């Protein structure tokens, strides 16, 4: 009979552990998303700068407008 009593706390802790695991996973995903967003913004800024320089060189070189 002690075995069912031992299983009862485990069964009540298991959903809590699953919720905590899911919460940790969501937090990890949020960190990854934030890092990816920063990388995307850096790449967009680099592309914008390249376009700006291309326009300057194009206007100086007499490139068609």
Protein backbone atom coordinates (compact mmCIF):
# COMPACT_ATOMS: atom_id res chain seq x y z
CA UNK A 1 0.00 0.00 0.00
CA UNK A 2 2.86 2.52 0.48
CA UNK A 3 3.57 2.40 -3.26
CA UNK A 4 0.32 4.17 -4.29
CA UNK A 5 0.99 6.88 -1.70
CA UNK A 6 4.46 7.34 -3.19
CA UNK A 7 2.98 7.55 -6.69
CA UNK A 8 0.48 10.25 -5.76
CA UNK A 9 3.10 12.96 -5.09
CA UNK A 10 4.98 11.93 -8.25
CA UNK A 11 1.82 12.17 -10.33
CA UNK A 12 1.11 15.65 -8.96
CA UNK A 13 4.70 16.77 -9.51
CA UNK A 14 4.91 15.42 -13.04
CA UNK A 15 2.55 18.03 -14.58
CA UNK A 16 4.40 20.77 -12.68
CA UNK A 17 7.72 19.51 -14.06
CA UNK A 18 6.26 19.40 -17.54
CA UNK A 19 5.00 22.97 -17.20
CA UNK A 20 8.41 24.11 -15.97
CA UNK A 21 10.11 22.32 -18.86
CA UNK A 22 7.79 23.98 -21.36
CA UNK A 23 8.35 27.36 -19.72
CA UNK A 24 12.13 26.90 -19.97
CA UNK A 25 11.80 25.90 -23.61
CA UNK A 26 9.72 29.00 -24.34
CA UNK A 27 12.31 31.19 -22.61
CA UNK A 28 15.10 29.59 -24.65
CA UNK A 29 13.13 30.16 -27.83
CA UNK A 30 12.55 33.80 -26.90
CA UNK A 31 16.29 34.27 -26.39
CA UNK A 32 16.98 32.65 -29.76
CA UNK A 33 14.38 34.85 -31.44
CA UNK A 34 15.89 37.98 -29.91
CA UNK A 35 19.38 36.96 -31.06
CA UNK A 36 18.10 36.21 -34.56
CA UNK A 37 16.27 39.53 -34.69
CA UNK A 38 19.48 41.36 -33.77
CA UNK A 39 21.34 39.50 -36.54
CA UNK A 40 18.60 40.35 -39.05
CA UNK A 41 18.68 44.02 -38.09
CA UNK A 42 22.47 44.10 -38.46
CA UNK A 43 22.26 42.54 -41.93
CA UNK A 44 19.52 44.95 -43.01
CA UNK A 45 21.63 47.87 -41.80
CA UNK A 46 24.62 46.55 -43.78
CA UNK A 47 22.49 46.19 -46.91
CA UNK A 48 21.10 49.71 -46.46
CA UNK A 49 24.64 51.07 -46.16
CA UNK A 50 25.73 49.19 -49.29
CA UNK A 51 22.77 50.62 -51.19
CA UNK A 52 23.59 54.12 -49.97
CA UNK A 53 27.19 53.77 -51.13
CA UNK A 54 26.08 52.30 -54.46
CA UNK A 55 23.83 55.29 -55.06
CA UNK A 56 26.65 57.69 -54.26
CA UNK A 57 29.06 55.93 -56.62
CA UNK A 58 26.37 55.65 -59.27
CA UNK A 59 25.60 59.37 -59.15
CA UNK A 60 29.30 60.31 -59.29
CA UNK A 61 30.01 57.99 -62.17
CA UNK A 62 27.19 59.29 -64.28
CA UNK A 63 25.16 56.13 -63.96
CA UNK A 64 21.65 56.37 -65.32
CA UNK A 65 18.97 57.79 -63.10
